[in-house]
C-alpha cells in the first residue's frame, strides 16, 4: 500500500516530458509564473478597484476627482522617477544571476539606490511646487493638499517598482505580486474606513496610500534578502555599473513613460479643461479598461525575464515561439471581458459604481477597442527592450505620444471624456501597430501563425451570439450583465473547443491537472 501511494505521488509530480522548444522555453515555468502573476494581479487589481469604489462612494465625485488627480500624478511620477531601472535590472540581473554575484549585487543595489534618490528628489520638488500647480494649472487650491499628502509615496512607489522587478529575475513571481500588487491595495482598503471614521476625510485616502507603499517597501527588502542572500555579504565588492545601467534605462524609461502617458495624460487634460466631477467619472471608466492590460501583464511578468534569458543564450527560435504563445494566451484572457465592456457598458458602470457614472459609457467602448488592438499585437515593447532594441522602441513611443497628445489637445476641450477616449485609443493602436512591424523588421518575428484562425473563428462565434442574444436578456441591470458575461465567456470557450486546442494549450491543461492532482493528494495525506 505504501509503495502504491508513493508511485501515485511520483506519477503526479512528474511533469509531461517535452523536448526541443519546450525544453528551452520551460513552458511549465512560464505557465506557473503566469498563473501566480495572474492571481496576484487580478486580486490586487480587484482590491484596488474596490478601494477606488469605496473612495468614490464615500468621498463623492468632487473629492474623488481631487484624489484622482493626485493619484494620476503619483502614477505618472512612478514612471518618471525609476528612470527605467525597473527594466534595466531585469535586462542585466538576468545575465549575471548565478554567473557573477558581484555584478548581480551591483546591478540590484545601484538600481535601487538611484531610484530612491530620484523618487525623493521628485517628491520634494512636487511638495514645494504644489501650490503653484494647484493654482496655475488646475485652478483649485485644494489639489495642493492632495499633492503634498502623497509626496512621501513618490519615493516609496519608485523604490518598490525596482525591488519588485529585481525579484522577477528569479522567475518566481509571488514576491513581485505581493509587494507591488497585493500589499498596497489591501493596506489602503483596510485603513481607509478607520481613518475616515477618525475624521480625516479626503486625507484618509491619502494616508492609507502612503502607509501601503511604506509596508510594501519594507517587505520588498526582506524578499530580496531571502532570494539573493549572497549579495548581502559585506565582504563582496562590486564595480560601478552606472554607465551600463543608465545607457539602457534612460531610453527604456522614456519609452515606458510615453506609453503610460498615452493612458494617463488624458485625465490631467480633463482636469484642466473640464469640471472635477468629469475627472472622477473618467477615472472610474479607466479602472475598468485597465483590467484588460492587467490580465495580459500577468504574462508580461514572467515573459520579460524569460525573453531576456533566452536572448542572452541565443535561443532565437524559442524567443519567437514564446512571443507567439504569450500573444495568443493574452487574447484568450482578455477577449471575453472586452466583449462585456463593448456590449453592455452602461450596465457594467452602473453595477460597479452605481448611479452618477453612466455618462462614461461611450468612453468605455472607445478605450476598450483601443486596448483590443494593443493586446492583439502582443508584447512588442518588452520584445524590443529585452532584445537590446530599447533605443528604437523609444523613438516609436516618442512618435506615438506626440500624435496622441495632439489629438487630446484638439478633442478634449470640445468633446470632454469622449475626445480624451478617442485620443487614448488612437495612441494605443498606433503604438501597437508600429511596434508590431518594428519587431518583424528587426527580429523577423510575427506573433501569429495558422493557429490564429481558430481564435478568429471563436471571436466571430462569441461576438455574434452575444450581440444577437443581448436584446433577449431581461431589463434588470445585474441580470443583463451576468447574462452577457456567461454568454461571451461560454461561447468563446466553446468556439476554441470546437476548432481544437493547440499543443501548448493541451500541455497547459496537463500541467494544471497535474498540479491540481498533486495539491489534492497532498491535502489528502495531510488530512490523514
Protein backbone atom coordinates (compact mmCIF):
# COMPACT_ATOMS: atom_id res chain seq x y z
CA UNK A 1 0.00 0.00 0.00
CA UNK A 2 2.79 2.41 0.86
CA UNK A 3 4.65 1.65 -2.36
CA UNK A 4 1.46 2.15 -4.33
CA UNK A 5 0.91 5.54 -2.72
CA UNK A 6 4.49 6.56 -3.47
CA UNK A 7 4.11 5.53 -7.09
CA UNK A 8 0.96 7.60 -7.43
CA UNK A 9 2.68 10.57 -5.91
CA UNK A 10 5.59 10.17 -8.30
CA UNK A 11 3.25 9.93 -11.28
CA UNK A 12 1.53 13.14 -10.34
CA UNK A 13 4.67 15.10 -9.58
CA UNK A 14 6.35 14.25 -12.88
CA UNK A 15 5.57 16.93 -15.47
CA UNK A 16 4.87 15.91 -19.06
CA UNK A 17 8.11 15.06 -20.81
CA UNK A 18 8.93 17.52 -23.56
CA UNK A 19 11.86 18.14 -25.83
CA UNK A 20 13.12 20.69 -28.31
CA UNK A 21 11.49 24.10 -27.97
CA UNK A 22 9.56 23.26 -24.81
CA UNK A 23 12.74 22.23 -23.01
CA UNK A 24 14.43 25.55 -23.68
CA UNK A 25 11.31 27.64 -23.14
CA UNK A 26 10.49 25.76 -19.91
CA UNK A 27 6.80 26.10 -20.63
CA UNK A 28 5.86 24.68 -17.24
CA UNK A 29 7.70 27.57 -15.57
CA UNK A 30 6.07 30.02 -17.96
CA UNK A 31 2.60 28.67 -17.16
CA UNK A 32 3.14 28.57 -13.40
CA UNK A 33 4.65 32.07 -13.42
CA UNK A 34 1.74 33.38 -15.46
CA UNK A 35 -0.75 31.71 -13.12
CA UNK A 36 0.81 33.16 -9.99
CA UNK A 37 1.12 36.60 -11.55
CA UNK A 38 -2.45 36.42 -12.87
CA UNK A 39 -3.82 35.50 -9.47
CA UNK A 40 -1.83 38.19 -7.71
CA UNK A 41 -2.51 40.91 -10.26
CA UNK A 42 -6.22 40.14 -10.52
CA UNK A 43 -6.67 40.01 -6.77
CA UNK A 44 -4.53 43.13 -6.38
CA UNK A 45 -6.49 44.97 -9.07
CA UNK A 46 -9.76 43.80 -7.53
CA UNK A 47 -8.65 45.19 -4.18
CA UNK A 48 -7.51 48.40 -5.86
CA UNK A 49 -10.76 48.85 -7.80
CA UNK A 50 -12.74 48.01 -4.67
CA UNK A 51 -10.75 50.67 -2.82
CA UNK A 52 -11.45 53.16 -5.60
CA UNK A 53 -15.16 52.31 -5.46
CA UNK A 54 -15.22 52.87 -1.70
CA UNK A 55 -13.30 56.13 -2.12
CA UNK A 56 -15.73 57.23 -4.84
CA UNK A 57 -18.81 56.40 -2.81
CA UNK A 58 -17.71 57.97 0.45
CA UNK A 59 -15.89 60.99 -0.96
CA UNK A 60 -18.33 61.84 -3.78
CA UNK A 61 -17.44 62.83 -7.39
CA UNK A 62 -15.79 66.18 -6.48
CA UNK A 63 -13.45 64.99 -3.72
CA UNK A 64 -12.83 61.74 -5.57
CA UNK A 65 -11.91 63.83 -8.60
CA UNK A 66 -9.34 65.71 -6.48
CA UNK A 67 -7.93 62.43 -5.23
CA UNK A 68 -7.90 61.05 -8.80
CA UNK A 69 -5.76 63.96 -9.99
CA UNK A 70 -3.24 63.38 -7.20
CA UNK A 71 -3.25 59.63 -7.82
CA UNK A 72 -2.69 60.15 -11.55
CA UNK A 73 0.31 62.37 -10.81
CA UNK A 74 1.65 59.67 -8.48
CA UNK A 75 1.27 57.05 -11.20
CA UNK A 76 2.99 59.27 -13.76
CA UNK A 77 5.78 60.09 -11.33
CA UNK A 78 6.30 56.39 -10.63
CA UNK A 79 7.20 56.00 -14.29
CA UNK A 80 9.47 59.04 -14.34
CA UNK A 81 11.33 58.55 -11.07
CA UNK A 82 12.68 54.97 -11.58
CA UNK A 83 14.41 56.21 -14.77
CA UNK A 84 13.76 52.83 -16.40
CA UNK A 85 15.83 50.99 -13.81
CA UNK A 86 12.99 48.53 -13.20
CA UNK A 87 13.58 47.34 -16.77
CA UNK A 88 17.38 47.59 -16.65
CA UNK A 89 17.54 45.41 -13.56
CA UNK A 90 15.70 42.63 -15.42
CA UNK A 91 17.86 43.03 -18.51
CA UNK A 92 21.21 42.79 -16.69
CA UNK A 93 20.49 40.93 -13.46
CA UNK A 94 19.10 38.08 -15.58
CA UNK A 95 22.50 37.91 -17.27
CA UNK A 96 24.54 37.94 -14.03
CA UNK A 97 22.31 35.79 -11.83
CA UNK A 98 24.13 32.53 -10.97
CA UNK A 99 27.15 33.59 -13.05
CA UNK A 100 28.58 36.78 -11.46
CA UNK A 101 27.45 37.53 -7.90
CA UNK A 102 29.44 40.75 -7.62
CA UNK A 103 27.85 42.28 -10.73
CA UNK A 104 24.44 40.97 -9.67
CA UNK A 105 24.83 42.85 -6.39
CA UNK A 106 25.97 45.95 -8.24
CA UNK A 107 23.00 45.89 -10.62
CA UNK A 108 20.39 45.42 -7.89
CA UNK A 109 21.78 47.75 -5.22
CA UNK A 110 22.80 50.52 -7.58
CA UNK A 111 19.42 50.40 -9.32
CA UNK A 112 17.55 50.67 -6.02
CA UNK A 113 19.84 53.43 -4.76
CA UNK A 114 19.40 55.59 -7.85
CA UNK A 115 15.64 55.07 -7.79
CA UNK A 116 15.45 56.16 -4.15
CA UNK A 117 17.42 59.30 -4.88
CA UNK A 118 15.33 60.08 -7.94
CA UNK A 119 12.00 59.41 -6.19
CA UNK A 120 12.94 61.55 -3.21
CA UNK A 121 14.02 64.44 -5.45
CA UNK A 122 10.78 64.32 -7.40
CA UNK A 123 8.69 64.09 -4.22
CA UNK A 124 10.41 67.12 -2.70
CA UNK A 125 10.02 69.08 -5.94
CA UNK A 126 6.29 68.37 -6.14
CA UNK A 127 5.83 69.19 -2.46
CA UNK A 128 7.43 72.60 -2.94
CA UNK A 129 5.62 73.42 -6.18
CA UNK A 130 2.22 72.00 -5.18
CA UNK A 131 0.61 75.44 -4.58
CA UNK A 132 1.77 76.68 -7.98
CA UNK A 133 0.50 73.53 -9.73
CA UNK A 134 -2.85 73.79 -7.97
CA UNK A 135 -3.31 77.50 -8.66
CA UNK A 136 -1.92 77.91 -12.16
CA UNK A 137 -2.71 74.55 -13.79
CA UNK A 138 -5.79 73.13 -12.09
CA UNK A 139 -7.18 76.40 -10.66
CA UNK A 140 -8.11 74.67 -7.42
CA UNK A 141 -6.11 75.26 -4.22
CA UNK A 142 -7.35 72.01 -2.64
CA UNK A 143 -5.24 69.96 -5.06
CA UNK A 144 -2.09 71.28 -3.34
CA UNK A 145 -3.07 69.43 -0.15
CA UNK A 146 -3.52 66.21 -2.11
CA UNK A 147 -0.13 66.50 -3.83
CA UNK A 148 1.68 67.30 -0.59
CA UNK A 149 -0.06 64.50 1.25
CA UNK A 150 1.02 61.99 -1.37
CA UNK A 151 4.60 63.29 -1.66
CA UNK A 152 6.18 60.57 0.57
CA UNK A 153 4.59 57.95 -1.67
CA UNK A 154 6.63 59.18 -4.64
CA UNK A 155 9.85 57.89 -3.04
CA UNK A 156 8.33 54.64 -1.81
CA UNK A 157 6.44 53.82 -5.01
CA UNK A 158 9.58 54.35 -7.08
CA UNK A 159 11.72 52.02 -4.98
CA UNK A 160 9.01 49.35 -4.81
CA UNK A 161 8.90 49.11 -8.60
CA UNK A 162 12.65 48.44 -8.84
CA UNK A 163 12.61 46.00 -5.92
CA UNK A 164 9.70 44.06 -7.44
CA UNK A 165 11.49 43.90 -10.80
CA UNK A 166 14.59 42.54 -9.05
CA UNK A 167 12.63 39.65 -7.57
CA UNK A 168 11.29 38.74 -11.04
CA UNK A 169 14.82 37.93 -12.20
CA UNK A 170 14.47 34.57 -10.44
CA UNK A 171 11.28 33.92 -12.46
CA UNK A 172 9.47 33.35 -9.14
CA UNK A 173 6.54 35.69 -9.39
CA UNK A 174 4.93 35.51 -5.97
CA UNK A 175 7.29 38.02 -4.37
CA UNK A 176 6.67 40.68 -7.01
CA UNK A 177 2.89 40.40 -6.96
CA UNK A 178 2.78 40.57 -3.16
CA UNK A 179 4.88 43.71 -2.78
CA UNK A 180 3.70 45.52 -5.92
CA UNK A 181 0.03 44.49 -6.19
CA UNK A 182 -1.39 42.94 -3.05
CA UNK A 183 0.12 44.89 -0.16
CA UNK A 184 -0.50 48.49 -1.34
CA UNK A 185 -4.14 47.89 -2.29
CA UNK A 186 -5.06 45.75 0.71
CA UNK A 187 -3.46 48.17 3.15
CA UNK A 188 -5.31 51.14 1.64
CA UNK A 189 -8.56 49.21 1.70
CA UNK A 190 -8.35 48.26 5.36
CA UNK A 191 -7.03 51.60 6.61
CA UNK A 192 -9.38 53.96 4.77
CA UNK A 193 -12.59 53.38 6.75
CA UNK A 194 -10.93 53.62 10.21
CA UNK A 195 -9.14 56.81 9.18
CA UNK A 196 -12.38 58.17 7.73
CA UNK A 197 -14.20 57.45 10.99
CA UNK A 198 -11.47 59.36 12.82
CA UNK A 199 -12.49 62.42 10.82
CA UNK A 200 -9.69 62.66 8.27
CA UNK A 201 -12.00 62.91 5.23
CA UNK A 202 -10.08 63.17 1.95
CA UNK A 203 -6.78 62.80 3.77
CA UNK A 204 -7.90 59.32 4.91
CA UNK A 205 -7.48 58.11 1.33
CA UNK A 206 -4.11 59.84 1.03
CA UNK A 207 -2.70 58.48 4.30
CA UNK A 208 -3.83 54.94 3.53
CA UNK A 209 -1.98 55.03 0.19
CA UNK A 210 1.28 56.27 1.76
CA UNK A 211 1.22 53.65 4.54
CA UNK A 212 0.51 50.92 1.97
CA UNK A 213 3.66 51.70 0.00
CA UNK A 214 5.75 52.01 3.14
CA UNK A 215 4.78 48.47 4.11
CA UNK A 216 5.50 47.23 0.57
CA UNK A 217 8.98 48.75 0.66
CA UNK A 218 9.86 47.02 3.94
CA UNK A 219 8.56 43.62 2.80
CA UNK A 220 10.34 44.05 -0.53
CA UNK A 221 13.75 44.47 1.11
CA UNK A 222 13.12 41.33 3.17
CA UNK A 223 12.18 39.45 -0.01
CA UNK A 224 15.46 40.44 -1.69
CA UNK A 225 17.41 39.19 1.30
CA UNK A 226 15.66 35.85 1.03
CA UNK A 227 16.07 35.47 -2.75
CA UNK A 228 19.64 36.77 -3.03
CA UNK A 229 21.31 36.22 0.36
CA UNK A 230 24.71 36.16 -1.32
CA UNK A 231 24.53 39.82 -2.40
CA UNK A 232 24.07 40.98 1.19
CA UNK A 233 27.53 39.73 2.14
CA UNK A 234 29.51 42.77 3.30
CA UNK A 235 32.83 41.46 2.00
CA UNK A 236 31.51 41.19 -1.56
CA UNK A 237 32.88 44.13 -3.53
CA UNK A 238 31.16 45.39 -6.67
CA UNK A 239 32.21 47.55 -9.57
CA UNK A 240 30.41 50.70 -10.66
CA UNK A 241 27.80 49.77 -13.29
CA UNK A 242 26.02 53.11 -13.56
CA UNK A 243 27.06 53.76 -17.15
CA UNK A 244 25.75 50.41 -18.38
CA UNK A 245 22.54 50.72 -16.39
CA UNK A 246 21.79 54.29 -17.41
CA UNK A 247 22.57 53.72 -21.10
CA UNK A 248 19.86 51.09 -21.15
CA UNK A 249 17.47 52.54 -18.60
CA UNK A 250 17.08 56.08 -19.94
CA UNK A 251 15.67 55.16 -23.39
CA UNK A 252 13.59 52.40 -21.76
CA UNK A 253 12.39 54.87 -19.13
CA UNK A 254 11.26 57.41 -21.70
CA UNK A 255 9.61 54.70 -23.78
CA UNK A 256 7.72 53.36 -20.75
CA UNK A 257 6.76 56.86 -19.63
CA UNK A 258 5.42 57.80 -23.05
CA UNK A 259 3.46 54.53 -23.26
CA UNK A 260 1.68 55.14 -19.96
CA UNK A 261 1.26 58.85 -20.61
CA UNK A 262 -0.94 57.87 -23.55
CA UNK A 263 -3.34 56.40 -20.99
CA UNK A 264 -2.90 58.85 -18.10
CA UNK A 265 -2.35 62.26 -19.61
CA UNK A 266 -5.97 62.47 -20.76
CA UNK A 267 -7.12 62.54 -17.13
CA UNK A 268 -4.93 65.56 -16.44
CA UNK A 269 -6.21 67.33 -19.55
CA UNK A 270 -9.79 66.65 -18.49
CA UNK A 271 -8.85 68.20 -15.13
CA UNK A 272 -7.52 71.28 -16.94
CA UNK A 273 -10.40 71.76 -19.37
CA UNK A 274 -13.40 70.11 -17.67
CA UNK A 275 -15.07 70.01 -14.19
CA UNK A 276 -13.66 67.82 -11.40
CA UNK A 277 -16.77 65.60 -11.50
CA UNK A 278 -15.91 64.63 -15.08
CA UNK A 279 -12.41 63.65 -13.95
CA UNK A 280 -13.98 61.37 -11.34
CA UNK A 281 -16.22 59.69 -13.93
CA UNK A 282 -13.33 59.22 -16.34
CA UNK A 283 -11.21 57.80 -13.53
CA UNK A 284 -13.95 55.26 -12.89
CA UNK A 285 -14.03 54.29 -16.58
CA UNK A 286 -10.25 53.96 -16.61
CA UNK A 287 -10.33 51.48 -13.73
CA UNK A 288 -12.41 49.12 -15.87
CA UNK A 289 -10.35 49.47 -19.04
CA UNK A 290 -7.15 48.85 -17.09
CA UNK A 291 -8.42 45.35 -16.31
CA UNK A 292 -7.59 44.29 -19.89
CA UNK A 293 -3.84 45.03 -19.80
CA UNK A 294 -3.87 43.85 -16.18
CA UNK A 295 -4.73 40.33 -17.34
CA UNK A 296 -2.04 40.33 -20.03
CA UNK A 297 0.52 41.94 -17.72
CA UNK A 298 0.44 38.74 -15.69
CA UNK A 299 2.00 37.12 -18.75
CA UNK A 300 4.46 40.01 -19.18
CA UNK A 301 5.66 39.48 -15.59
CA UNK A 302 7.23 36.13 -16.48
CA UNK A 303 7.60 36.87 -20.22
CA UNK A 304 10.17 39.67 -19.80
CA UNK A 305 12.79 37.80 -17.70
CA UNK A 306 12.36 34.64 -19.80
CA UNK A 307 12.80 36.54 -23.08
CA UNK A 308 15.91 38.25 -21.70
CA UNK A 309 17.31 34.89 -20.55
CA UNK A 310 16.60 33.13 -23.88
CA UNK A 311 18.05 36.01 -25.88
CA UNK A 312 21.23 36.06 -23.77
CA UNK A 313 21.62 32.35 -24.62
CA UNK A 314 20.95 32.93 -28.36
CA UNK A 315 17.76 30.84 -28.32
CA UNK A 316 16.08 32.89 -31.05
CA UNK A 317 13.59 30.28 -32.21
CA UNK A 318 12.45 29.84 -28.62
CA UNK A 319 12.05 33.62 -28.34
CA UNK A 320 9.77 33.57 -31.39
CA UNK A 321 7.65 30.73 -30.05
CA UNK A 322 7.27 32.33 -26.63
CA UNK A 323 6.28 35.60 -28.32
CA UNK A 324 3.55 33.79 -30.27
CA UNK A 325 2.21 31.79 -27.33
CA UNK A 326 2.13 34.79 -25.00
CA UNK A 327 0.19 36.87 -27.52
CA UNK A 328 -2.33 34.10 -28.06
CA UNK A 329 -2.89 33.49 -24.37
CA UNK A 330 -3.25 37.23 -23.81
CA UNK A 331 -6.16 37.18 -26.26
CA UNK A 332 -7.65 34.17 -24.50
CA UNK A 333 -7.66 36.06 -21.22
CA UNK A 334 -8.98 39.43 -22.34
CA UNK A 335 -11.45 38.92 -25.20
CA UNK A 336 -14.50 37.84 -23.15
CA UNK A 337 -14.10 40.85 -20.84
CA UNK A 338 -13.70 43.24 -23.78
CA UNK A 339 -16.94 41.89 -25.26
CA UNK A 340 -18.74 42.65 -21.99
CA UNK A 341 -17.40 46.22 -21.92
CA UNK A 342 -18.44 46.85 -25.54
CA UNK A 343 -21.88 45.18 -25.46
CA UNK A 344 -23.19 46.29 -22.04
CA UNK A 345 -21.02 49.25 -20.93
CA UNK A 346 -23.85 51.08 -19.17
CA UNK A 347 -24.79 48.08 -17.08
CA UNK A 348 -21.15 47.46 -16.18
CA UNK A 349 -20.66 51.03 -14.93
CA UNK A 350 -23.93 51.08 -13.03
CA UNK A 351 -23.32 47.79 -11.23
CA UNK A 352 -19.76 48.71 -10.21
CA UNK A 353 -20.04 52.44 -9.48
CA UNK A 354 -23.81 52.92 -9.03
CA UNK A 355 -25.65 55.97 -10.41
CA UNK A 356 -23.81 59.11 -11.48
CA UNK A 357 -21.23 57.43 -13.68
CA UNK A 358 -23.44 56.39 -16.62
CA UNK A 359 -22.10 59.19 -18.85
CA UNK A 360 -18.87 57.19 -19.13
CA UNK A 361 -20.48 54.62 -21.44
CA UNK A 362 -19.07 55.91 -24.74
CA UNK A 363 -15.50 56.43 -23.44
CA UNK A 364 -15.59 52.88 -22.07
CA UNK A 365 -16.39 51.44 -25.51
CA UNK A 366 -13.81 53.59 -27.30
CA UNK A 367 -10.92 52.77 -24.95
CA UNK A 368 -11.85 49.06 -24.91
CA UNK A 369 -11.46 48.87 -28.68
CA UNK A 370 -8.06 50.56 -28.46
CA UNK A 371 -6.99 48.06 -25.81
CA UNK A 372 -8.09 45.23 -28.10
CA UNK A 373 -5.71 46.41 -30.82
CA UNK A 374 -2.91 46.65 -28.25
CA UNK A 375 -3.47 43.15 -26.89
CA UNK A 376 -3.70 41.65 -30.37
CA UNK A 377 -0.23 43.00 -31.21
CA UNK A 378 1.45 41.18 -28.33
CA UNK A 379 4.24 42.32 -26.03
CA UNK A 380 6.09 44.33 -28.64
CA UNK A 381 7.59 46.76 -26.12
CA UNK A 382 9.14 44.03 -24.00
CA UNK A 383 10.36 42.25 -27.13
CA UNK A 384 12.20 45.37 -28.27
CA UNK A 385 13.69 46.21 -24.87
CA UNK A 386 14.73 42.75 -23.72
CA UNK A 387 16.48 42.09 -27.05
CA UNK A 388 18.54 45.29 -26.87
CA UNK A 389 16.44 47.45 -29.18
CA UNK A 390 15.39 49.88 -26.49
CA UNK A 391 16.53 52.98 -28.40
CA UNK A 392 14.32 52.13 -31.38
CA UNK A 393 11.40 51.49 -29.04
CA UNK A 394 11.98 54.91 -27.51
CA UNK A 395 11.55 56.56 -30.92
CA UNK A 396 8.39 54.55 -31.60
CA UNK A 397 6.84 55.75 -28.34
CA UNK A 398 8.01 59.33 -28.99
CA UNK A 399 6.12 59.46 -32.28
CA UNK A 400 3.05 57.93 -30.68
CA UNK A 401 2.86 60.24 -27.67
CA UNK A 402 3.15 63.29 -29.93
CA UNK A 403 0.23 62.10 -32.05
CA UNK A 404 -1.87 61.17 -29.01
CA UNK A 405 -1.16 64.46 -27.23
CA UNK A 406 -2.09 66.43 -30.34
CA UNK A 407 -5.40 64.59 -30.67
CA UNK A 408 -6.01 65.08 -26.94
CA UNK A 409 -5.45 68.84 -27.06
CA UNK A 410 -7.74 69.20 -30.08
CA UNK A 411 -10.61 66.98 -28.94
CA UNK A 412 -10.72 67.11 -25.11
CA UNK A 413 -11.75 70.79 -24.67
CA UNK A 414 -14.73 70.36 -27.00
CA UNK A 415 -15.69 66.69 -26.61
CA UNK A 416 -14.64 66.14 -22.99
CA UNK A 417 -14.34 62.48 -21.98
CA UNK A 418 -15.19 61.21 -25.47
CA UNK A 419 -12.38 63.23 -27.01
CA UNK A 420 -9.90 62.01 -24.41
CA UNK A 421 -11.00 58.43 -25.03
CA UNK A 422 -10.51 58.79 -28.79
CA UNK A 423 -7.01 60.18 -28.24
CA UNK A 424 -6.17 57.27 -25.93
CA UNK A 425 -7.47 54.69 -28.39
CA UNK A 426 -5.59 56.28 -31.29
CA UNK A 427 -2.38 56.32 -29.26
CA UNK A 428 -2.66 52.69 -28.12
CA UNK A 429 -3.46 51.45 -31.62
CA UNK A 430 -0.69 53.42 -33.33
CA UNK A 431 1.91 52.33 -30.75
CA UNK A 432 0.99 48.67 -31.10
CA UNK A 433 0.92 48.61 -34.90
CA UNK A 434 4.25 50.42 -35.33
CA UNK A 435 5.83 48.19 -32.68
CA UNK A 436 4.44 45.08 -34.36
CA UNK A 437 6.11 45.90 -37.67
CA UNK A 438 9.31 47.01 -35.94
CA UNK A 439 9.67 43.61 -34.25
CA UNK A 440 9.04 41.98 -37.62
CA UNK A 441 11.66 44.15 -39.29
CA UNK A 442 14.38 43.73 -36.64
CA UNK A 443 13.84 40.18 -35.40
CA UNK A 444 11.84 38.59 -38.21
CA UNK A 445 9.03 37.54 -35.84
CA UNK A 446 5.26 37.72 -36.20
CA UNK A 447 3.18 36.82 -33.15
CA UNK A 448 0.79 34.98 -35.48
CA UNK A 449 0.64 31.77 -37.48
CA UNK A 450 -2.09 29.40 -38.69
CA UNK A 451 -3.14 28.74 -35.08
CA UNK A 452 -4.79 32.17 -35.01
CA UNK A 453 -7.52 31.11 -37.45
CA UNK A 454 -9.06 29.25 -34.52
CA UNK A 455 -9.14 32.41 -32.44
CA UNK A 456 -10.80 34.38 -35.26
CA UNK A 457 -13.49 31.72 -35.56
CA UNK A 458 -14.05 31.74 -31.79
CA UNK A 459 -14.29 35.55 -31.79
CA UNK A 460 -16.89 35.52 -34.58
CA UNK A 461 -18.96 32.88 -32.82
CA UNK A 462 -18.80 34.59 -29.44
CA UNK A 463 -19.43 38.18 -30.57
CA UNK A 464 -22.22 37.16 -32.97
CA UNK A 465 -24.15 35.12 -30.39
CA UNK A 466 -23.62 37.72 -27.65
CA UNK A 467 -24.80 40.56 -29.91
CA UNK A 468 -27.94 38.73 -31.01
CA UNK A 469 -28.93 37.46 -27.57
CA UNK A 470 -28.30 40.82 -25.89
CA UNK A 471 -31.81 42.02 -26.81
CA UNK A 472 -33.38 38.86 -25.39
CA UNK A 473 -31.99 39.36 -21.90
CA UNK A 474 -34.15 40.81 -19.09
CA UNK A 475 -34.11 44.55 -18.37
CA UNK A 476 -32.66 44.07 -14.90
CA UNK A 477 -29.16 45.59 -14.90
CA UNK A 478 -27.40 42.85 -12.97
CA UNK A 479 -29.09 40.03 -14.88
CA UNK A 480 -28.18 41.57 -18.24
CA UNK A 481 -24.57 41.96 -17.15
CA UNK A 482 -24.35 38.40 -15.85
CA UNK A 483 -26.08 37.08 -18.96
CA UNK A 484 -23.63 38.73 -21.36
CA UNK A 485 -20.70 37.63 -19.18
CA UNK A 486 -21.80 33.99 -19.29
CA UNK A 487 -22.64 34.08 -22.99
CA UNK A 488 -19.40 35.76 -24.11
CA UNK A 489 -17.17 33.57 -21.96
CA UNK A 490 -19.04 30.36 -22.70
CA UNK A 491 -19.33 30.82 -26.46
CA UNK A 492 -15.70 31.93 -26.81
CA UNK A 493 -14.54 28.83 -24.92
CA UNK A 494 -16.89 26.65 -26.98
CA UNK A 495 -15.50 28.11 -30.19
CA UNK A 496 -11.95 27.24 -29.13
CA UNK A 497 -13.04 23.74 -28.15
CA UNK A 498 -14.81 23.08 -31.46
CA UNK A 499 -11.84 24.26 -33.54
CA UNK A 500 -9.40 22.26 -31.42
CA UNK A 501 -6.81 23.32 -28.87
CA UNK A 502 -3.14 23.63 -29.84
CA UNK A 503 -0.30 21.50 -28.45
CA UNK A 504 0.82 24.14 -25.94
CA UNK A 505 -2.78 24.62 -24.77
CA UNK A 506 -3.10 20.89 -24.11
CA UNK A 507 0.24 20.92 -22.32
CA UNK A 508 -1.01 23.78 -20.15
CA UNK A 509 -4.12 21.74 -19.26
CA UNK A 510 -1.91 18.75 -18.44
CA UNK A 511 0.29 20.79 -16.17
CA UNK A 512 -2.65 22.40 -14.39
CA UNK A 513 -4.29 19.00 -13.94
CA UNK A 514 -1.01 17.61 -12.59
CA UNK A 515 -0.57 20.49 -10.13
CA UNK A 516 -4.20 20.21 -9.02
CA UNK A 517 -3.95 16.46 -8.51
CA UNK A 518 -0.72 16.88 -6.57
CA UNK A 519 -2.33 19.51 -4.34
CA UNK A 520 -5.35 17.32 -3.70
CA UNK A 521 -3.16 14.31 -2.93
CA UNK A 522 -1.04 16.32 -0.52
CA UNK A 523 -4.19 17.58 1.14
CA UNK A 524 -5.50 14.03 1.45
CA UNK A 525 -2.29 12.74 3.04
CA UNK A 526 -2.09 15.81 5.22
CA UNK A 527 -5.61 15.17 6.45
CA UNK A 528 -4.69 11.62 7.32
